[in-house]
Amino acid sequence: MTGELPVLLGLFLVAAAGTGAVLVRDPVRQSFLLSLLGLSLATLFLLLQAPDVALSQLAVGSALTPLMVLLSVRKVRRKARSERREERE
């Protein structure tokens, strides 16, 4: 039972971060929670003795995917701002 406790805590963290990422409406906060989800998944994979999968998850799920989301949100907001400026003129 004590050996399963860290895995259960990891599963709880994954469930909480995933639920939070789905329920939050702001894309910037979603990317933060997506990064937290990737970190918790990497920790869970490490606890389940899969260090190669954990490293891949750490790189892709915790860094690259949230970065791509943030860059996309930034580009969309800039485009919307420039369109609003053009409408005023």
PDB file of N, CA and C in Angstrom:
ATOM      1  N   MET A   1       0.820  -1.202   0.000  1.00  0.00           N
ATOM      2  CA  MET A   1       0.000   0.000   0.000  1.00  0.00           C
ATOM      3  C   MET A   1       0.859   1.259   0.000  1.00  0.00           C
ATOM      4  N   THR A   2       1.931   1.283   0.773  1.00  0.00           N
ATOM      5  CA  THR A   2       2.762   2.493   0.824  1.00  0.00           C
ATOM      6  C   THR A   2       3.512   2.709  -0.482  1.00  0.00           C
ATOM      7  N   GLY A   3       3.770   1.634  -1.240  1.00  0.00           N
ATOM      8  CA  GLY A   3       4.438   1.779  -2.530  1.00  0.00           C
ATOM      9  C   GLY A   3       3.518   2.353  -3.589  1.00  0.00           C
ATOM     10  N   GLU A   4       2.230   2.192  -3.391  1.00  0.00           N
ATOM     11  CA  GLU A   4       1.259   2.691  -4.363  1.00  0.00           C
ATOM     12  C   GLU A   4       0.859   4.142  -4.091  1.00  0.00           C
ATOM     13  N   LEU A   5       1.175   4.650  -2.935  1.00  0.00           N
ATOM     14  CA  LEU A   5       0.765   6.003  -2.571  1.00  0.00           C
ATOM     15  C   LEU A   5       1.331   7.075  -3.505  1.00  0.00           C
ATOM     16  N   PRO A   6       2.624   7.061  -3.856  1.00  0.00           N
ATOM     17  CA  PRO A   6       3.114   8.085  -4.787  1.00  0.00           C
ATOM     18  C   PRO A   6       2.446   8.011  -6.161  1.00  0.00           C
ATOM     19  N   VAL A   7       2.154   6.810  -6.631  1.00  0.00           N
ATOM     20  CA  VAL A   7       1.487   6.668  -7.920  1.00  0.00           C
ATOM     21  C   VAL A   7       0.065   7.216  -7.840  1.00  0.00           C
ATOM     22  N   LEU A   8      -0.630   6.949  -6.752  1.00  0.00           N
ATOM     23  CA  LEU A   8      -1.977   7.487  -6.585  1.00  0.00           C
ATOM     24  C   LEU A   8      -1.973   9.012  -6.499  1.00  0.00           C
ATOM     25  N   LEU A   9      -0.985   9.563  -5.810  1.00  0.00           N
ATOM     26  CA  LEU A   9      -0.863  11.022  -5.750  1.00  0.00           C
ATOM     27  C   LEU A   9      -0.556  11.599  -7.131  1.00  0.00           C
ATOM     28  N   GLY A  10       0.287  10.903  -7.896  1.00  0.00           N
ATOM     29  CA  GLY A  10       0.586  11.338  -9.253  1.00  0.00           C
ATOM     30  C   GLY A  10      -0.644  11.310 -10.140  1.00  0.00           C
ATOM     31  N   LEU A  11      -1.438  10.255 -10.016  1.00  0.00           N
ATOM     32  CA  LEU A  11      -2.683  10.171 -10.785  1.00  0.00           C
ATOM     33  C   LEU A  11      -3.654  11.285 -10.394  1.00  0.00           C
ATOM     34  N   PHE A  12      -3.706  11.594  -9.110  1.00  0.00           N
ATOM     35  CA  PHE A  12      -4.565  12.684  -8.653  1.00  0.00           C
ATOM     36  C   PHE A  12      -4.106  14.013  -9.232  1.00  0.00           C
ATOM     37  N   LEU A  13      -2.783  14.240  -9.252  1.00  0.00           N
ATOM     38  CA  LEU A  13      -2.247  15.470  -9.832  1.00  0.00           C
ATOM     39  C   LEU A  13      -2.567  15.584 -11.313  1.00  0.00           C
ATOM     40  N   VAL A  14      -2.433  14.471 -12.034  1.00  0.00           N
ATOM     41  CA  VAL A  14      -2.743  14.463 -13.467  1.00  0.00           C
ATOM     42  C   VAL A  14      -4.224  14.775 -13.681  1.00  0.00           C
ATOM     43  N   ALA A  15      -5.076  14.151 -12.896  1.00  0.00           N
ATOM     44  CA  ALA A  15      -6.518  14.393 -13.028  1.00  0.00           C
ATOM     45  C   ALA A  15      -6.874  15.842 -12.695  1.00  0.00           C
ATOM     46  N   ALA A  16      -6.265  16.378 -11.654  1.00  0.00           N
ATOM     47  CA  ALA A  16      -6.560  17.764 -11.263  1.00  0.00           C
ATOM     48  C   ALA A  16      -6.064  18.755 -12.313  1.00  0.00           C
ATOM     49  N   ALA A  17      -4.853  18.547 -12.826  1.00  0.00           N
ATOM     50  CA  ALA A  17      -4.312  19.467 -13.833  1.00  0.00           C
ATOM     51  C   ALA A  17      -5.092  19.366 -15.140  1.00  0.00           C
ATOM     52  N   GLY A  18      -5.473  18.170 -15.530  1.00  0.00           N
ATOM     53  CA  GLY A  18      -6.258  17.995 -16.750  1.00  0.00           C
ATOM     54  C   GLY A  18      -7.632  18.627 -16.640  1.00  0.00           C
ATOM     55  N   THR A  19      -8.273  18.439 -15.506  1.00  0.00           N
ATOM     56  CA  THR A  19      -9.587  19.047 -15.291  1.00  0.00           C
ATOM     57  C   THR A  19      -9.483  20.567 -15.262  1.00  0.00           C
ATOM     58  N   GLY A  20      -8.456  21.063 -14.611  1.00  0.00           N
ATOM     59  CA  GLY A  20      -8.258  22.513 -14.564  1.00  0.00           C
ATOM     60  C   GLY A  20      -8.015  23.103 -15.943  1.00  0.00           C
ATOM     61  N   ALA A  21      -7.230  22.418 -16.769  1.00  0.00           N
ATOM     62  CA  ALA A  21      -6.951  22.911 -18.121  1.00  0.00           C
ATOM     63  C   ALA A  21      -8.212  22.947 -18.976  1.00  0.00           C
ATOM     64  N   VAL A  22      -9.119  22.023 -18.733  1.00  0.00           N
ATOM     65  CA  VAL A  22     -10.367  21.992 -19.507  1.00  0.00           C
ATOM     66  C   VAL A  22     -11.334  23.066 -19.023  1.00  0.00           C
ATOM     67  N   LEU A  23     -11.384  23.315 -17.740  1.00  0.00           N
ATOM     68  CA  LEU A  23     -12.378  24.238 -17.187  1.00  0.00           C
ATOM     69  C   LEU A  23     -12.001  25.713 -17.310  1.00  0.00           C
ATOM     70  N   VAL A  24     -10.715  26.013 -17.392  1.00  0.00           N
ATOM     71  CA  VAL A  24     -10.280  27.414 -17.474  1.00  0.00           C
ATOM     72  C   VAL A  24     -10.533  27.939 -18.882  1.00  0.00           C
ATOM     73  N   ARG A  25     -11.029  29.158 -18.990  1.00  0.00           N
ATOM     74  CA  ARG A  25     -11.397  29.715 -20.288  1.00  0.00           C
ATOM     75  C   ARG A  25     -10.301  30.581 -20.917  1.00  0.00           C
ATOM     76  N   ASP A  26      -9.406  31.128 -20.122  1.00  0.00           N
ATOM     77  CA  ASP A  26      -8.354  32.000 -20.624  1.00  0.00           C
ATOM     78  C   ASP A  26      -7.223  31.160 -21.233  1.00  0.00           C
ATOM     79  N   PRO A  27      -6.858  31.397 -22.500  1.00  0.00           N
ATOM     80  CA  PRO A  27      -5.829  30.573 -23.139  1.00  0.00           C
ATOM     81  C   PRO A  27      -4.454  30.651 -22.475  1.00  0.00           C
ATOM     82  N   VAL A  28      -4.117  31.797 -21.887  1.00  0.00           N
ATOM     83  CA  VAL A  28      -2.825  31.913 -21.221  1.00  0.00           C
ATOM     84  C   VAL A  28      -2.795  31.029 -19.973  1.00  0.00           C
ATOM     85  N   ARG A  29      -3.864  31.046 -19.223  1.00  0.00           N
ATOM     86  CA  ARG A  29      -3.944  30.180 -18.039  1.00  0.00           C
ATOM     87  C   ARG A  29      -4.028  28.710 -18.444  1.00  0.00           C
ATOM     88  N   GLN A  30      -4.694  28.439 -19.564  1.00  0.00           N
ATOM     89  CA  GLN A  30      -4.756  27.062 -20.055  1.00  0.00           C
ATOM     90  C   GLN A  30      -3.367  26.551 -20.400  1.00  0.00           C
ATOM     91  N   SER A  31      -2.535  27.392 -20.996  1.00  0.00           N
ATOM     92  CA  SER A  31      -1.189  26.943 -21.339  1.00  0.00           C
ATOM     93  C   SER A  31      -0.354  26.685 -20.084  1.00  0.00           C
ATOM     94  N   PHE A  32      -0.571  27.508 -19.047  1.00  0.00           N
ATOM     95  CA  PHE A  32       0.118  27.260 -17.780  1.00  0.00           C
ATOM     96  C   PHE A  32      -0.321  25.919 -17.181  1.00  0.00           C
ATOM     97  N   LEU A  33      -1.606  25.656 -17.195  1.00  0.00           N
ATOM     98  CA  LEU A  33      -2.107  24.394 -16.657  1.00  0.00           C
ATOM     99  C   LEU A  33      -1.704  23.214 -17.537  1.00  0.00           C
ATOM    100  N   LEU A  34      -1.576  23.442 -18.835  1.00  0.00           N
ATOM    101  CA  LEU A  34      -1.094  22.407 -19.728  1.00  0.00           C
ATOM    102  C   LEU A  34       0.357  22.058 -19.413  1.00  0.00           C
ATOM    103  N   SER A  35       1.138  23.063 -19.082  1.00  0.00           N
ATOM    104  CA  SER A  35       2.515  22.822 -18.666  1.00  0.00           C
ATOM    105  C   SER A  35       2.560  22.049 -17.348  1.00  0.00           C
ATOM    106  N   LEU A  36       1.684  22.409 -16.422  1.00  0.00           N
ATOM    107  CA  LEU A  36       1.592  21.686 -15.154  1.00  0.00           C
ATOM    108  C   LEU A  36       1.152  20.244 -15.373  1.00  0.00           C
ATOM    109  N   LEU A  37       0.251  20.033 -16.315  1.00  0.00           N
ATOM    110  CA  LEU A  37      -0.182  18.682 -16.665  1.00  0.00           C
ATOM    111  C   LEU A  37       0.976  17.878 -17.227  1.00  0.00           C
ATOM    112  N   GLY A  38       1.766  18.485 -18.095  1.00  0.00           N
ATOM    113  CA  GLY A  38       2.931  17.798 -18.642  1.00  0.00           C
ATOM    114  C   GLY A  38       3.944  17.437 -17.572  1.00  0.00           C
ATOM    115  N   LEU A  39       4.145  18.340 -16.626  1.00  0.00           N
ATOM    116  CA  LEU A  39       5.062  18.061 -15.519  1.00  0.00           C
ATOM    117  C   LEU A  39       4.560  16.920 -14.641  1.00  0.00           C
ATOM    118  N   SER A  40       3.270  16.934 -14.352  1.00  0.00           N
ATOM    119  CA  SER A  40       2.731  15.868 -13.505  1.00  0.00           C
ATOM    120  C   SER A  40       2.744  14.531 -14.235  1.00  0.00           C
ATOM    121  N   LEU A  41       2.505  14.534 -15.548  1.00  0.00           N
ATOM    122  CA  LEU A  41       2.599  13.293 -16.314  1.00  0.00           C
ATOM    123  C   LEU A  41       4.036  12.777 -16.347  1.00  0.00           C
ATOM    124  N   ALA A  42       4.999  13.676 -16.507  1.00  0.00           N
ATOM    125  CA  ALA A  42       6.401  13.268 -16.505  1.00  0.00           C
ATOM    126  C   ALA A  42       6.776  12.663 -15.148  1.00  0.00           C
ATOM    127  N   THR A  43       6.285  13.260 -14.078  1.00  0.00           N
ATOM    128  CA  THR A  43       6.536  12.708 -12.745  1.00  0.00           C
ATOM    129  C   THR A  43       5.893  11.336 -12.588  1.00  0.00           C
ATOM    130  N   LEU A  44       4.694  11.196 -13.084  1.00  0.00           N
ATOM    131  CA  LEU A  44       4.008   9.912 -13.010  1.00  0.00           C
ATOM    132  C   LEU A  44       4.761   8.840 -13.803  1.00  0.00           C
ATOM    133  N   PHE A  45       5.219   9.185 -14.997  1.00  0.00           N
ATOM    134  CA  PHE A  45       5.987   8.228 -15.791  1.00  0.00           C
ATOM    135  C   PHE A  45       7.282   7.842 -15.096  1.00  0.00           C
ATOM    136  N   LEU A  46       7.891   8.806 -14.421  1.00  0.00           N
ATOM    137  CA  LEU A  46       9.114   8.505 -13.681  1.00  0.00           C
ATOM    138  C   LEU A  46       8.824   7.562 -12.513  1.00  0.00           C
ATOM    139  N   LEU A  47       7.708   7.783 -11.844  1.00  0.00           N
ATOM    140  CA  LEU A  47       7.317   6.896 -10.748  1.00  0.00           C
ATOM    141  C   LEU A  47       7.000   5.482 -11.248  1.00  0.00           C
ATOM    142  N   LEU A  48       6.500   5.396 -12.479  1.00  0.00           N
ATOM    143  CA  LEU A  48       6.179   4.090 -13.060  1.00  0.00           C
ATOM    144  C   LEU A  48       7.376   3.458 -13.766  1.00  0.00           C
ATOM    145  N   GLN A  49       8.562   4.004 -13.516  1.00  0.00           N
ATOM    146  CA  GLN A  49       9.835   3.484 -14.005  1.00  0.00           C
ATOM    147  C   GLN A  49       9.925   3.490 -15.527  1.00  0.00           C
ATOM    148  N   ALA A  50       9.533   4.606 -16.106  1.00  0.00           N
ATOM    149  CA  ALA A  50       9.676   4.814 -17.545  1.00  0.00           C
ATOM    150  C   ALA A  50      10.397   6.149 -17.773  1.00  0.00           C
ATOM    151  N   PRO A  51      11.712   6.197 -17.484  1.00  0.00           N
ATOM    152  CA  PRO A  51      12.416   7.484 -17.558  1.00  0.00           C
ATOM    153  C   PRO A  51      12.518   8.043 -18.977  1.00  0.00           C
ATOM    154  N   ASP A  52      12.568   7.187 -19.986  1.00  0.00           N
ATOM    155  CA  ASP A  52      12.641   7.693 -21.349  1.00  0.00           C
ATOM    156  C   ASP A  52      11.346   8.399 -21.759  1.00  0.00           C
ATOM    157  N   VAL A  53      10.230   7.821 -21.381  1.00  0.00           N
ATOM    158  CA  VAL A  53       8.944   8.446 -21.665  1.00  0.00           C
ATOM    159  C   VAL A  53       8.795   9.730 -20.847  1.00  0.00           C
ATOM    160  N   ALA A  54       9.303   9.711 -19.623  1.00  0.00           N
ATOM    161  CA  ALA A  54       9.231  10.900 -18.770  1.00  0.00           C
ATOM    162  C   ALA A  54      10.020  12.053 -19.370  1.00  0.00           C
ATOM    163  N   LEU A  55      11.202  11.763 -19.917  1.00  0.00           N
ATOM    164  CA  LEU A  55      11.995  12.826 -20.537  1.00  0.00           C
ATOM    165  C   LEU A  55      11.312  13.386 -21.782  1.00  0.00           C
ATOM    166  N   SER A  56      10.729  12.507 -22.570  1.00  0.00           N
ATOM    167  CA  SER A  56      10.002  12.972 -23.755  1.00  0.00           C
ATOM    168  C   SER A  56       8.812  13.834 -23.356  1.00  0.00           C
ATOM    169  N   GLN A  57       8.085  13.398 -22.362  1.00  0.00           N
ATOM    170  CA  GLN A  57       6.925  14.159 -21.883  1.00  0.00           C
ATOM    171  C   GLN A  57       7.362  15.494 -21.310  1.00  0.00           C
ATOM    172  N   LEU A  58       8.482  15.499 -20.622  1.00  0.00           N
ATOM    173  CA  LEU A  58       8.981  16.739 -20.039  1.00  0.00           C
ATOM    174  C   LEU A  58       9.310  17.751 -21.127  1.00  0.00           C
ATOM    175  N   ALA A  59       9.934  17.285 -22.204  1.00  0.00           N
ATOM    176  CA  ALA A  59      10.317  18.199 -23.286  1.00  0.00           C
ATOM    177  C   ALA A  59       9.101  18.670 -24.078  1.00  0.00           C
ATOM    178  N   VAL A  60       8.258  17.744 -24.467  1.00  0.00           N
ATOM    179  CA  VAL A  60       7.136  18.092 -25.344  1.00  0.00           C
ATOM    180  C   VAL A  60       5.956  18.633 -24.558  1.00  0.00           C
ATOM    181  N   GLY A  61       5.523  17.912 -23.538  1.00  0.00           N
ATOM    182  CA  GLY A  61       4.309  18.283 -22.818  1.00  0.00           C
ATOM    183  C   GLY A  61       4.462  19.463 -21.895  1.00  0.00           C
ATOM    184  N   SER A  62       5.671  19.662 -21.369  1.00  0.00           N
ATOM    185  CA  SER A  62       5.851  20.742 -20.398  1.00  0.00           C
ATOM    186  C   SER A  62       6.433  21.997 -21.008  1.00  0.00           C
ATOM    187  N   ALA A  63       7.101  21.862 -22.147  1.00  0.00           N
ATOM    188  CA  ALA A  63       7.774  23.030 -22.710  1.00  0.00           C
ATOM    189  C   ALA A  63       7.246  23.422 -24.086  1.00  0.00           C
ATOM    190  N   LEU A  64       7.307  22.516 -25.031  1.00  0.00           N
ATOM    191  CA  LEU A  64       6.996  22.888 -26.409  1.00  0.00           C
ATOM    192  C   LEU A  64       5.519  23.163 -26.656  1.00  0.00           C
ATOM    193  N   THR A  65       4.656  22.305 -26.173  1.00  0.00           N
ATOM    194  CA  THR A  65       3.227  22.494 -26.435  1.00  0.00           C
ATOM    195  C   THR A  65       2.686  23.784 -25.806  1.00  0.00           C
ATOM    196  N   PRO A  66       2.961  24.064 -24.525  1.00  0.00           N
ATOM    197  CA  PRO A  66       2.486  25.349 -23.973  1.00  0.00           C
ATOM    198  C   PRO A  66       3.104  26.559 -24.683  1.00  0.00           C
ATOM    199  N   LEU A  67       4.357  26.431 -25.114  1.00  0.00           N
ATOM    200  CA  LEU A  67       4.994  27.519 -25.839  1.00  0.00           C
ATOM    201  C   LEU A  67       4.287  27.778 -27.165  1.00  0.00           C
ATOM    202  N   MET A  68       3.927  26.718 -27.873  1.00  0.00           N
ATOM    203  CA  MET A  68       3.212  26.870 -29.134  1.00  0.00           C
ATOM    204  C   MET A  68       1.833  27.509 -28.916  1.00  0.00           C
ATOM    205  N   VAL A  69       1.170  27.126 -27.837  1.00  0.00           N
ATOM    206  CA  VAL A  69      -0.137  27.719 -27.525  1.00  0.00           C
ATOM    207  C   VAL A  69       0.016  29.212 -27.242  1.00  0.00           C
ATOM    208  N   LEU A  70       1.016  29.571 -26.446  1.00  0.00           N
ATOM    209  CA  LEU A  70       1.234  30.982 -26.123  1.00  0.00           C
ATOM    210  C   LEU A  70       1.583  31.798 -27.361  1.00  0.00           C
ATOM    211  N   LEU A  71       2.414  31.254 -28.237  1.00  0.00           N
ATOM    212  CA  LEU A  71       2.769  31.966 -29.462  1.00  0.00           C
ATOM    213  C   LEU A  71       1.559  32.136 -30.379  1.00  0.00           C
ATOM    214  N   SER A  72       0.712  31.129 -30.438  1.00  0.00           N
ATOM    215  CA  SER A  72      -0.499  31.222 -31.264  1.00  0.00           C
ATOM    216  C   SER A  72      -1.459  32.278 -30.712  1.00  0.00           C
ATOM    217  N   VAL A  73      -1.631  32.291 -29.407  1.00  0.00           N
ATOM    218  CA  VAL A  73      -2.515  33.287 -28.779  1.00  0.00           C
ATOM    219  C   VAL A  73      -1.971  34.688 -29.030  1.00  0.00           C
ATOM    220  N   ARG A  74      -0.665  34.840 -28.917  1.00  0.00           N
ATOM    221  CA  ARG A  74      -0.053  36.147 -29.148  1.00  0.00           C
ATOM    222  C   ARG A  74      -0.293  36.616 -30.583  1.00  0.00           C
ATOM    223  N   LYS A  75      -0.134  35.713 -31.538  1.00  0.00           N
ATOM    224  CA  LYS A  75      -0.327  36.085 -32.937  1.00  0.00           C
ATOM    225  C   LYS A  75      -1.786  36.457 -33.222  1.00  0.00           C
ATOM    226  N   VAL A  76      -2.712  35.695 -32.674  1.00  0.00           N
ATOM    227  CA  VAL A  76      -4.128  35.994 -32.885  1.00  0.00           C
ATOM    228  C   VAL A  76      -4.501  37.336 -32.263  1.00  0.00           C
ATOM    229  N   ARG A  77      -4.005  37.605 -31.069  1.00  0.00           N
ATOM    230  CA  ARG A  77      -4.322  38.880 -30.413  1.00  0.00           C
ATOM    231  C   ARG A  77      -3.724  40.061 -31.171  1.00  0.00           C
ATOM    232  N   ARG A  78      -2.499  39.890 -31.693  1.00  0.00           N
ATOM    233  CA  ARG A  78      -1.892  40.969 -32.482  1.00  0.00           C
ATOM    234  C   ARG A  78      -2.695  41.242 -33.741  1.00  0.00           C
ATOM    235  N   LYS A  79      -3.130  40.174 -34.402  1.00  0.00           N
ATOM    236  CA  LYS A  79      -3.899  40.340 -35.627  1.00  0.00           C
ATOM    237  C   LYS A  79      -5.228  41.026 -35.335  1.00  0.00           C
ATOM    238  N   ALA A  80      -5.882  40.645 -34.254  1.00  0.00           N
ATOM    239  CA  ALA A  80      -7.149  41.272 -33.880  1.00  0.00           C
ATOM    240  C   ALA A  80      -6.944  42.749 -33.551  1.00  0.00           C
ATOM    241  N   ARG A  81      -5.846  43.066 -32.885  1.00  0.00           N
ATOM    242  CA  ARG A  81      -5.551  44.454 -32.546  1.00  0.00           C
ATOM    243  C   ARG A  81      -5.317  45.291 -33.803  1.00  0.00           C
ATOM    244  N   SER A  82      -4.568  44.733 -34.751  1.00  0.00           N
ATOM    245  CA  SER A  82      -4.295  45.489 -35.976  1.00  0.00           C
ATOM    246  C   SER A  82      -5.563  45.654 -36.815  1.00  0.00           C
ATOM    247  N   GLU A  83      -6.448  44.675 -36.792  1.00  0.00           N
ATOM    248  CA  GLU A  83      -7.710  44.805 -37.526  1.00  0.00           C
ATOM    249  C   GLU A  83      -8.599  45.870 -36.901  1.00  0.00           C
ATOM    250  N   ARG A  84      -8.577  45.956 -35.577  1.00  0.00           N
ATOM    251  CA  ARG A  84      -9.362  47.002 -34.905  1.00  0.00           C
ATOM    252  C   ARG A  84      -8.825  48.393 -35.246  1.00  0.00           C
ATOM    253  N   ARG A  85      -7.510  48.507 -35.338  1.00  0.00           N
ATOM    254  CA  ARG A  85      -6.909  49.796 -35.705  1.00  0.00           C
ATOM    255  C   ARG A  85      -7.307  50.194 -37.121  1.00  0.00           C
ATOM    256  N   GLU A  86      -7.309  49.213 -38.022  1.00  0.00           N
ATOM    257  CA  GLU A  86      -7.677  49.505 -39.407  1.00  0.00           C
ATOM    258  C   GLU A  86      -9.137  49.918 -39.524  1.00  0.00           C
ATOM    259  N   GLU A  87     -10.001  49.356 -38.704  1.00  0.00           N
ATOM    260  CA  GLU A  87     -11.411  49.720 -38.733  1.00  0.00           C
ATOM    261  C   GLU A  87     -11.626  51.148 -38.261  1.00  0.00           C
ATOM    262  N   ARG A  88     -10.834  51.585 -37.319  1.00  0.00           N
ATOM    263  CA  ARG A  88     -10.972  52.951 -36.796  1.00  0.00           C
ATOM    264  C   ARG A  88     -10.560  53.988 -37.836  1.00  0.00           C
ATOM    265  N   GLU A  89      -9.613  53.635 -38.674  1.00  0.00           N
ATOM    266  CA  GLU A  89      -9.080  54.590 -39.649  1.00  0.00           C
ATOM    267  C   GLU A  89      -9.911  54.710 -40.863  1.00  0.00           C
TER     268      GLU A  89
END
